[in-house]
Amino acid sequence: QERLSCLAKDNSIYLVANIGDKKPCNASDSQCPPDGHYQYNTDVVFDSQGKLVARYHKHNLFMNENQFNVPKK
């Protein structure tokens, strides 16, 4: 994400990108994957100063997106 931030800042643009985003989870969470991380299909938005201003974890995954987890509401 650092590279995306720099691209936005260096070009004075807003940048929207879709990325895979890993977040750690607690082993006490019954839905936590064996590797201890959730993997989300995520959109990020950086402003023209390179600051992350929005992050959205996709809730409605397509059938072939089984590599991603659905975020909790």
C-alpha atoms as a PDB file:
ATOM      1  CA  GLN A   1       0.000   0.000   0.000  1.00  0.00           C
ATOM      2  CA  GLU A   2       2.981   2.285   0.451  1.00  0.00           C
ATOM      3  CA  ARG A   3       3.618   2.257  -3.293  1.00  0.00           C
ATOM      4  CA  LEU A   4      -0.007   3.205  -4.010  1.00  0.00           C
ATOM      5  CA  SER A   5       0.231   6.045  -1.497  1.00  0.00           C
ATOM      6  CA  CYS A   6       3.387   7.359  -3.168  1.00  0.00           C
ATOM      7  CA  LEU A   7       1.798   7.144  -6.632  1.00  0.00           C
ATOM      8  CA  ALA A   8      -1.145   9.242  -5.448  1.00  0.00           C
ATOM      9  CA  LYS A   9       1.085  11.809  -3.740  1.00  0.00           C
ATOM     10  CA  ASP A  10       3.732  12.045  -6.483  1.00  0.00           C
ATOM     11  CA  ASN A  11       1.061  12.617  -9.139  1.00  0.00           C
ATOM     12  CA  SER A  12      -1.324  14.720  -6.984  1.00  0.00           C
ATOM     13  CA  ILE A  13      -4.234  12.394  -7.745  1.00  0.00           C
ATOM     14  CA  TYR A  14      -6.846  10.422  -5.883  1.00  0.00           C
ATOM     15  CA  LEU A  15      -6.174   6.727  -6.379  1.00  0.00           C
ATOM     16  CA  VAL A  16      -8.647   3.854  -5.969  1.00  0.00           C
ATOM     17  CA  ALA A  17      -7.345   0.288  -6.054  1.00  0.00           C
ATOM     18  CA  ASN A  18      -8.603  -3.216  -5.379  1.00  0.00           C
ATOM     19  CA  ILE A  19      -6.234  -5.340  -3.290  1.00  0.00           C
ATOM     20  CA  GLY A  20      -6.116  -8.494  -1.214  1.00  0.00           C
ATOM     21  CA  ASP A  21      -5.889  -7.444   2.447  1.00  0.00           C
ATOM     22  CA  LYS A  22      -4.732  -9.785   5.242  1.00  0.00           C
ATOM     23  CA  LYS A  23      -5.849  -9.113   8.814  1.00  0.00           C
ATOM     24  CA  PRO A  24      -4.774 -11.189  11.832  1.00  0.00           C
ATOM     25  CA  CYS A  25      -7.443 -12.981  13.833  1.00  0.00           C
ATOM     26  CA  ASN A  26      -7.490 -14.542  17.260  1.00  0.00           C
ATOM     27  CA  ALA A  27      -7.339 -18.325  17.621  1.00  0.00           C
ATOM     28  CA  SER A  28     -10.321 -18.067  19.994  1.00  0.00           C
ATOM     29  CA  ASP A  29     -12.385 -16.880  16.993  1.00  0.00           C
ATOM     30  CA  SER A  30     -14.119 -20.053  15.772  1.00  0.00           C
ATOM     31  CA  GLN A  31     -14.020 -18.814  12.157  1.00  0.00           C
ATOM     32  CA  CYS A  32     -10.345 -17.809  12.200  1.00  0.00           C
ATOM     33  CA  PRO A  33      -8.515 -19.628   9.363  1.00  0.00           C
ATOM     34  CA  PRO A  34      -5.686 -22.042  10.301  1.00  0.00           C
ATOM     35  CA  ASP A  35      -3.009 -19.512   9.262  1.00  0.00           C
ATOM     36  CA  GLY A  36      -4.371 -16.962  11.777  1.00  0.00           C
ATOM     37  CA  HIS A  37      -5.369 -14.396   9.147  1.00  0.00           C
ATOM     38  CA  TYR A  38      -8.509 -13.327   7.339  1.00  0.00           C
ATOM     39  CA  GLN A  39      -8.025 -12.482   3.641  1.00  0.00           C
ATOM     40  CA  TYR A  40     -10.382  -9.786   2.329  1.00  0.00           C
ATOM     41  CA  ASN A  41     -11.168  -8.473  -1.153  1.00  0.00           C
ATOM     42  CA  THR A  42     -10.607  -4.785  -0.405  1.00  0.00           C
ATOM     43  CA  ASP A  43     -10.926  -1.412  -2.107  1.00  0.00           C
ATOM     44  CA  VAL A  44      -8.653   1.370  -0.845  1.00  0.00           C
ATOM     45  CA  VAL A  45      -8.714   5.106  -1.629  1.00  0.00           C
ATOM     46  CA  PHE A  46      -5.729   7.447  -1.279  1.00  0.00           C
ATOM     47  CA  ASP A  47      -6.085  11.228  -1.538  1.00  0.00           C
ATOM     48  CA  SER A  48      -3.770  13.530  -3.500  1.00  0.00           C
ATOM     49  CA  GLN A  49      -1.481  13.801  -0.453  1.00  0.00           C
ATOM     50  CA  GLY A  50      -1.078  10.007  -0.318  1.00  0.00           C
ATOM     51  CA  LYS A  51      -3.237   9.604   2.793  1.00  0.00           C
ATOM     52  CA  LEU A  52      -5.448   6.508   3.053  1.00  0.00           C
ATOM     53  CA  VAL A  53      -8.973   7.969   3.263  1.00  0.00           C
ATOM     54  CA  ALA A  54     -11.160   4.876   2.776  1.00  0.00           C
ATOM     55  CA  ARG A  55     -11.016   1.100   2.998  1.00  0.00           C
ATOM     56  CA  TYR A  56     -13.880  -1.245   2.128  1.00  0.00           C
ATOM     57  CA  HIS A  57     -13.878  -5.021   2.634  1.00  0.00           C
ATOM     58  CA  LYS A  58     -16.223  -6.551   0.060  1.00  0.00           C
ATOM     59  CA  HIS A  59     -19.213  -8.332   1.651  1.00  0.00           C
ATOM     60  CA  ASN A  60     -20.914  -9.883  -1.392  1.00  0.00           C
ATOM     61  CA  LEU A  61     -18.317 -12.142  -2.946  1.00  0.00           C
ATOM     62  CA  PHE A  62     -18.783 -13.882  -6.291  1.00  0.00           C
ATOM     63  CA  MET A  63     -18.873 -17.683  -6.320  1.00  0.00           C
ATOM     64  CA  ASN A  64     -15.300 -17.952  -7.621  1.00  0.00           C
ATOM     65  CA  GLU A  65     -13.843 -15.677  -4.910  1.00  0.00           C
ATOM     66  CA  ASN A  66     -13.490 -18.465  -2.345  1.00  0.00           C
ATOM     67  CA  GLN A  67      -9.921 -17.386  -1.511  1.00  0.00           C
ATOM     68  CA  PHE A  68     -11.425 -14.408   0.364  1.00  0.00           C
ATOM     69  CA  ASN A  69     -13.257 -14.283   3.686  1.00  0.00           C
ATOM     70  CA  VAL A  70     -16.517 -12.378   4.201  1.00  0.00           C
ATOM     71  CA  PRO A  71     -16.022  -9.639   6.823  1.00  0.00           C
ATOM     72  CA  LYS A  72     -18.132  -9.637   9.964  1.00  0.00           C
ATOM     73  CA  LYS A  73     -20.857  -7.018  10.111  1.00  0.00           C
END
